[in-house]
Amino acid sequence: MSKCYSYSDLYIDSLKQLKWLSAQYGEGTWTDSVNDLWYNFSYRKSLKIYDSQVITAEYLIENIDLAFSVWEQRPWAKHYSFDDFCKYILPYRIGDEPLESWRKIYFP
């Protein structure tokens, strides 16, 4: 966990909003000026927020509980060993995406 992080930058949040607008209202919302801004964007300039500094016990417990629920309740999961579970189902993140309670969305 000490090496896990996400990026914090106003531009990243803006990009998420622009992508949403583009999906809702069509291609016209993604202008050439926006494209020019993002063409030169570098994550290296963004602040890294390390999980060990911001993650809470509540978040981890919820994530672990939901991962076990999926493993126990979904029919496809009966073919996964405990090692597979630990490698593919249990992790709370894949890369450097922002922390969010994504399991709640996909496993109601």
N, C-alpha and C. Protein backbone atom coordinates (compact mmCIF):
# COMPACT_ATOMS: atom_id res chain seq x y z
N MET A 1 0.82 -1.19 0.00
CA MET A 1 0.00 0.00 0.00
C MET A 1 0.87 1.26 0.00
N SER A 2 2.06 1.17 0.54
CA SER A 2 2.90 2.36 0.64
C SER A 2 3.33 2.90 -0.72
N LYS A 3 3.28 2.05 -1.74
CA LYS A 3 3.66 2.50 -3.09
C LYS A 3 2.45 2.85 -3.96
N CYS A 4 1.25 2.66 -3.44
CA CYS A 4 0.04 2.95 -4.20
C CYS A 4 -0.34 4.42 -4.05
N TYR A 5 -0.77 5.00 -5.14
CA TYR A 5 -1.13 6.42 -5.11
C TYR A 5 -2.10 6.73 -6.25
N SER A 6 -2.67 7.89 -6.17
CA SER A 6 -3.46 8.46 -7.27
C SER A 6 -2.96 9.89 -7.46
N TYR A 7 -3.43 10.50 -8.52
CA TYR A 7 -3.02 11.86 -8.82
C TYR A 7 -4.11 12.83 -8.41
N SER A 8 -3.70 13.98 -7.95
CA SER A 8 -4.64 15.04 -7.62
C SER A 8 -4.28 16.25 -8.45
N ASP A 9 -5.23 16.67 -9.23
CA ASP A 9 -4.99 17.82 -10.09
C ASP A 9 -6.34 18.36 -10.55
N LEU A 10 -6.48 19.65 -10.57
CA LEU A 10 -7.73 20.25 -11.03
C LEU A 10 -8.00 19.88 -12.48
N TYR A 11 -6.95 19.72 -13.27
CA TYR A 11 -7.14 19.38 -14.68
C TYR A 11 -7.76 18.00 -14.84
N ILE A 12 -7.37 17.07 -13.98
CA ILE A 12 -7.92 15.72 -14.07
C ILE A 12 -9.42 15.75 -13.79
N ASP A 13 -9.83 16.46 -12.76
CA ASP A 13 -11.26 16.58 -12.47
C ASP A 13 -11.99 17.27 -13.61
N SER A 14 -11.36 18.26 -14.21
CA SER A 14 -11.96 18.95 -15.35
C SER A 14 -12.13 18.01 -16.53
N LEU A 15 -11.14 17.16 -16.76
CA LEU A 15 -11.23 16.21 -17.86
C LEU A 15 -12.38 15.25 -17.65
N LYS A 16 -12.56 14.77 -16.43
CA LYS A 16 -13.68 13.88 -16.14
C LYS A 16 -15.01 14.57 -16.48
N GLN A 17 -15.13 15.83 -16.08
CA GLN A 17 -16.36 16.58 -16.35
C GLN A 17 -16.56 16.77 -17.86
N LEU A 18 -15.51 17.09 -18.57
CA LEU A 18 -15.62 17.28 -20.02
C LEU A 18 -15.98 15.99 -20.74
N LYS A 19 -15.41 14.89 -20.29
CA LYS A 19 -15.76 13.60 -20.90
C LYS A 19 -17.24 13.29 -20.66
N TRP A 20 -17.71 13.58 -19.45
CA TRP A 20 -19.12 13.34 -19.15
C TRP A 20 -20.00 14.21 -20.04
N LEU A 21 -19.66 15.49 -20.16
CA LEU A 21 -20.43 16.40 -21.00
C LEU A 21 -20.44 15.94 -22.45
N SER A 22 -19.29 15.50 -22.91
CA SER A 22 -19.18 15.03 -24.28
C SER A 22 -20.08 13.82 -24.52
N ALA A 23 -20.11 12.92 -23.55
CA ALA A 23 -20.96 11.73 -23.67
C ALA A 23 -22.44 12.10 -23.63
N GLN A 24 -22.79 13.12 -22.84
CA GLN A 24 -24.19 13.51 -22.69
C GLN A 24 -24.69 14.34 -23.87
N TYR A 25 -23.85 15.25 -24.35
CA TYR A 25 -24.31 16.24 -25.32
C TYR A 25 -23.64 16.14 -26.68
N GLY A 26 -22.81 15.17 -26.88
CA GLY A 26 -22.22 14.98 -28.20
C GLY A 26 -20.83 15.56 -28.35
N GLU A 27 -20.27 15.29 -29.48
CA GLU A 27 -18.89 15.64 -29.78
C GLU A 27 -18.61 17.14 -29.74
N GLY A 28 -19.59 17.98 -29.97
CA GLY A 28 -19.37 19.42 -30.04
C GLY A 28 -18.85 20.06 -28.76
N THR A 29 -19.02 19.36 -27.63
CA THR A 29 -18.56 19.93 -26.37
C THR A 29 -17.05 19.76 -26.19
N TRP A 30 -16.44 18.91 -27.00
CA TRP A 30 -14.99 18.69 -26.92
C TRP A 30 -14.36 19.54 -28.01
N THR A 31 -13.98 20.74 -27.65
CA THR A 31 -13.49 21.72 -28.63
C THR A 31 -12.00 21.56 -28.91
N ASP A 32 -11.54 22.23 -29.96
CA ASP A 32 -10.12 22.18 -30.30
C ASP A 32 -9.26 22.76 -29.19
N SER A 33 -9.75 23.79 -28.51
CA SER A 33 -8.95 24.37 -27.42
C SER A 33 -8.79 23.39 -26.27
N VAL A 34 -9.83 22.62 -25.98
CA VAL A 34 -9.73 21.59 -24.95
C VAL A 34 -8.75 20.52 -25.40
N ASN A 35 -8.84 20.12 -26.64
CA ASN A 35 -7.93 19.12 -27.18
C ASN A 35 -6.48 19.59 -27.10
N ASP A 36 -6.23 20.85 -27.42
CA ASP A 36 -4.87 21.41 -27.34
C ASP A 36 -4.35 21.36 -25.90
N LEU A 37 -5.20 21.69 -24.94
CA LEU A 37 -4.80 21.66 -23.54
C LEU A 37 -4.39 20.25 -23.12
N TRP A 38 -5.18 19.25 -23.51
CA TRP A 38 -4.91 17.89 -23.08
C TRP A 38 -3.82 17.21 -23.89
N TYR A 39 -3.54 17.69 -25.06
CA TYR A 39 -2.48 17.10 -25.86
C TYR A 39 -1.13 17.26 -25.16
N ASN A 40 -0.93 18.35 -24.47
CA ASN A 40 0.33 18.62 -23.79
C ASN A 40 0.30 18.33 -22.29
N PHE A 41 -0.77 17.76 -21.80
CA PHE A 41 -0.92 17.49 -20.37
C PHE A 41 0.03 16.36 -19.94
N SER A 42 0.67 16.52 -18.79
CA SER A 42 1.55 15.49 -18.25
C SER A 42 1.18 15.22 -16.80
N TYR A 43 0.96 13.95 -16.50
CA TYR A 43 0.66 13.57 -15.12
C TYR A 43 1.84 13.83 -14.19
N ARG A 44 3.03 13.88 -14.74
CA ARG A 44 4.23 14.09 -13.91
C ARG A 44 4.19 15.41 -13.16
N LYS A 45 3.41 16.35 -13.64
CA LYS A 45 3.27 17.64 -12.97
C LYS A 45 2.24 17.61 -11.85
N SER A 46 1.46 16.54 -11.79
CA SER A 46 0.39 16.42 -10.81
C SER A 46 0.91 15.91 -9.47
N LEU A 47 0.21 16.27 -8.44
CA LEU A 47 0.54 15.86 -7.08
C LEU A 47 0.12 14.41 -6.87
N LYS A 48 1.03 13.59 -6.33
CA LYS A 48 0.70 12.22 -5.99
C LYS A 48 0.13 12.19 -4.57
N ILE A 49 -0.98 11.50 -4.43
CA ILE A 49 -1.58 11.31 -3.12
C ILE A 49 -1.46 9.82 -2.79
N TYR A 50 -0.63 9.51 -1.81
CA TYR A 50 -0.36 8.13 -1.45
C TYR A 50 -1.49 7.57 -0.58
N ASP A 51 -1.88 6.34 -0.89
CA ASP A 51 -2.97 5.69 -0.17
C ASP A 51 -2.69 5.64 1.33
N SER A 52 -1.45 5.40 1.70
CA SER A 52 -1.11 5.26 3.11
C SER A 52 -1.38 6.55 3.90
N GLN A 53 -1.51 7.67 3.20
CA GLN A 53 -1.77 8.93 3.87
C GLN A 53 -3.25 9.26 3.96
N VAL A 54 -4.07 8.65 3.11
CA VAL A 54 -5.48 9.05 3.06
C VAL A 54 -6.49 7.92 3.24
N ILE A 55 -6.07 6.70 3.02
CA ILE A 55 -7.02 5.60 3.08
C ILE A 55 -7.43 5.35 4.53
N THR A 56 -8.68 4.99 4.72
CA THR A 56 -9.18 4.75 6.08
C THR A 56 -9.42 3.26 6.31
N ALA A 57 -9.44 2.89 7.57
CA ALA A 57 -9.75 1.51 7.93
C ALA A 57 -11.16 1.16 7.47
N GLU A 58 -12.07 2.10 7.58
CA GLU A 58 -13.46 1.87 7.14
C GLU A 58 -13.51 1.52 5.65
N TYR A 59 -12.76 2.24 4.83
CA TYR A 59 -12.72 1.97 3.39
C TYR A 59 -12.19 0.57 3.13
N LEU A 60 -11.10 0.20 3.77
CA LEU A 60 -10.50 -1.13 3.56
C LEU A 60 -11.42 -2.25 4.04
N ILE A 61 -12.03 -2.07 5.18
CA ILE A 61 -12.93 -3.10 5.71
C ILE A 61 -14.12 -3.29 4.78
N GLU A 62 -14.72 -2.20 4.34
CA GLU A 62 -15.84 -2.28 3.40
C GLU A 62 -15.41 -2.98 2.12
N ASN A 63 -14.24 -2.63 1.61
CA ASN A 63 -13.75 -3.21 0.38
C ASN A 63 -13.52 -4.72 0.53
N ILE A 64 -12.92 -5.12 1.63
CA ILE A 64 -12.66 -6.54 1.89
C ILE A 64 -13.98 -7.30 2.04
N ASP A 65 -14.92 -6.74 2.80
CA ASP A 65 -16.22 -7.39 2.99
C ASP A 65 -16.95 -7.58 1.66
N LEU A 66 -16.94 -6.55 0.82
CA LEU A 66 -17.62 -6.66 -0.47
C LEU A 66 -16.91 -7.64 -1.40
N ALA A 67 -15.59 -7.69 -1.35
CA ALA A 67 -14.84 -8.65 -2.17
C ALA A 67 -15.20 -10.08 -1.77
N PHE A 68 -15.26 -10.34 -0.47
CA PHE A 68 -15.64 -11.68 -0.01
C PHE A 68 -17.09 -11.99 -0.40
N SER A 69 -17.97 -11.02 -0.33
CA SER A 69 -19.37 -11.24 -0.72
C SER A 69 -19.46 -11.65 -2.18
N VAL A 70 -18.73 -10.97 -3.03
CA VAL A 70 -18.73 -11.33 -4.46
C VAL A 70 -18.21 -12.74 -4.64
N TRP A 71 -17.11 -13.05 -3.99
CA TRP A 71 -16.49 -14.36 -4.14
C TRP A 71 -17.42 -15.47 -3.66
N GLU A 72 -18.18 -15.20 -2.63
CA GLU A 72 -19.07 -16.21 -2.06
C GLU A 72 -20.41 -16.32 -2.79
N GLN A 73 -20.90 -15.23 -3.40
CA GLN A 73 -22.26 -15.21 -3.92
C GLN A 73 -22.38 -15.31 -5.43
N ARG A 74 -21.37 -14.97 -6.17
CA ARG A 74 -21.48 -15.00 -7.63
C ARG A 74 -21.12 -16.39 -8.16
N PRO A 75 -21.93 -16.92 -9.07
CA PRO A 75 -21.70 -18.28 -9.57
C PRO A 75 -20.33 -18.47 -10.24
N TRP A 76 -19.86 -17.47 -10.97
CA TRP A 76 -18.58 -17.60 -11.65
C TRP A 76 -17.42 -17.69 -10.67
N ALA A 77 -17.58 -17.19 -9.46
CA ALA A 77 -16.49 -17.12 -8.50
C ALA A 77 -16.18 -18.48 -7.86
N LYS A 78 -17.08 -19.46 -7.99
CA LYS A 78 -16.82 -20.76 -7.36
C LYS A 78 -15.63 -21.47 -8.00
N HIS A 79 -15.22 -21.02 -9.17
CA HIS A 79 -14.08 -21.63 -9.85
C HIS A 79 -12.76 -20.99 -9.46
N TYR A 80 -12.81 -19.96 -8.62
CA TYR A 80 -11.59 -19.25 -8.21
C TYR A 80 -11.08 -19.80 -6.88
N SER A 81 -9.80 -20.12 -6.84
CA SER A 81 -9.17 -20.54 -5.59
C SER A 81 -8.96 -19.31 -4.71
N PHE A 82 -8.54 -19.55 -3.48
CA PHE A 82 -8.24 -18.43 -2.58
C PHE A 82 -7.10 -17.58 -3.13
N ASP A 83 -6.12 -18.21 -3.72
CA ASP A 83 -5.01 -17.45 -4.33
C ASP A 83 -5.51 -16.58 -5.48
N ASP A 84 -6.41 -17.13 -6.30
CA ASP A 84 -7.00 -16.34 -7.39
C ASP A 84 -7.81 -15.17 -6.82
N PHE A 85 -8.57 -15.46 -5.77
CA PHE A 85 -9.34 -14.42 -5.11
C PHE A 85 -8.43 -13.28 -4.66
N CYS A 86 -7.34 -13.62 -4.00
CA CYS A 86 -6.41 -12.60 -3.49
C CYS A 86 -5.77 -11.80 -4.62
N LYS A 87 -5.55 -12.44 -5.74
CA LYS A 87 -4.88 -11.77 -6.86
C LYS A 87 -5.84 -10.96 -7.73
N TYR A 88 -7.05 -11.49 -7.97
CA TYR A 88 -7.94 -10.87 -8.96
C TYR A 88 -9.17 -10.17 -8.40
N ILE A 89 -9.67 -10.59 -7.26
CA ILE A 89 -10.93 -10.04 -6.74
C ILE A 89 -10.70 -9.08 -5.57
N LEU A 90 -9.79 -9.43 -4.68
CA LEU A 90 -9.58 -8.66 -3.46
C LEU A 90 -8.98 -7.27 -3.65
N PRO A 91 -8.06 -7.04 -4.58
CA PRO A 91 -7.41 -5.72 -4.67
C PRO A 91 -8.42 -4.57 -4.78
N TYR A 92 -8.13 -3.51 -4.05
CA TYR A 92 -9.02 -2.36 -4.01
C TYR A 92 -8.76 -1.37 -5.13
N ARG A 93 -7.69 -1.56 -5.88
CA ARG A 93 -7.40 -0.70 -7.02
C ARG A 93 -6.60 -1.48 -8.05
N ILE A 94 -6.59 -0.96 -9.28
CA ILE A 94 -5.85 -1.59 -10.37
C ILE A 94 -4.55 -0.84 -10.64
N GLY A 95 -4.63 0.47 -10.65
CA GLY A 95 -3.46 1.28 -10.99
C GLY A 95 -3.39 2.53 -10.14
N ASP A 96 -3.41 3.68 -10.83
CA ASP A 96 -3.31 4.96 -10.12
C ASP A 96 -4.61 5.76 -10.21
N GLU A 97 -5.71 5.05 -10.38
CA GLU A 97 -7.02 5.71 -10.43
C GLU A 97 -7.37 6.28 -9.05
N PRO A 98 -8.23 7.28 -9.01
CA PRO A 98 -8.63 7.84 -7.70
C PRO A 98 -9.34 6.78 -6.86
N LEU A 99 -9.17 6.88 -5.57
CA LEU A 99 -9.87 5.97 -4.66
C LEU A 99 -11.35 6.29 -4.67
N GLU A 100 -12.16 5.27 -4.83
CA GLU A 100 -13.60 5.44 -4.72
C GLU A 100 -14.21 4.10 -4.33
N SER A 101 -15.40 4.14 -3.83
CA SER A 101 -16.09 2.92 -3.41
C SER A 101 -16.76 2.28 -4.62
N TRP A 102 -15.96 1.80 -5.54
CA TRP A 102 -16.46 1.26 -6.79
C TRP A 102 -17.19 -0.08 -6.61
N ARG A 103 -16.86 -0.84 -5.60
CA ARG A 103 -17.51 -2.14 -5.42
C ARG A 103 -19.01 -1.98 -5.15
N LYS A 104 -19.40 -0.93 -4.46
CA LYS A 104 -20.82 -0.69 -4.18
C LYS A 104 -21.60 -0.51 -5.48
N ILE A 105 -20.99 0.07 -6.47
CA ILE A 105 -21.65 0.34 -7.74
C ILE A 105 -21.88 -0.97 -8.51
N TYR A 106 -20.89 -1.84 -8.50
CA TYR A 106 -20.95 -3.05 -9.32
C TYR A 106 -21.49 -4.27 -8.60
N PHE A 107 -21.64 -4.19 -7.29
CA PHE A 107 -22.18 -5.29 -6.53
C PHE A 107 -23.20 -4.76 -5.53
N PRO A 108 -24.40 -4.47 -6.04
CA PRO A 108 -25.44 -3.91 -5.14
C PRO A 108 -25.99 -4.94 -4.17
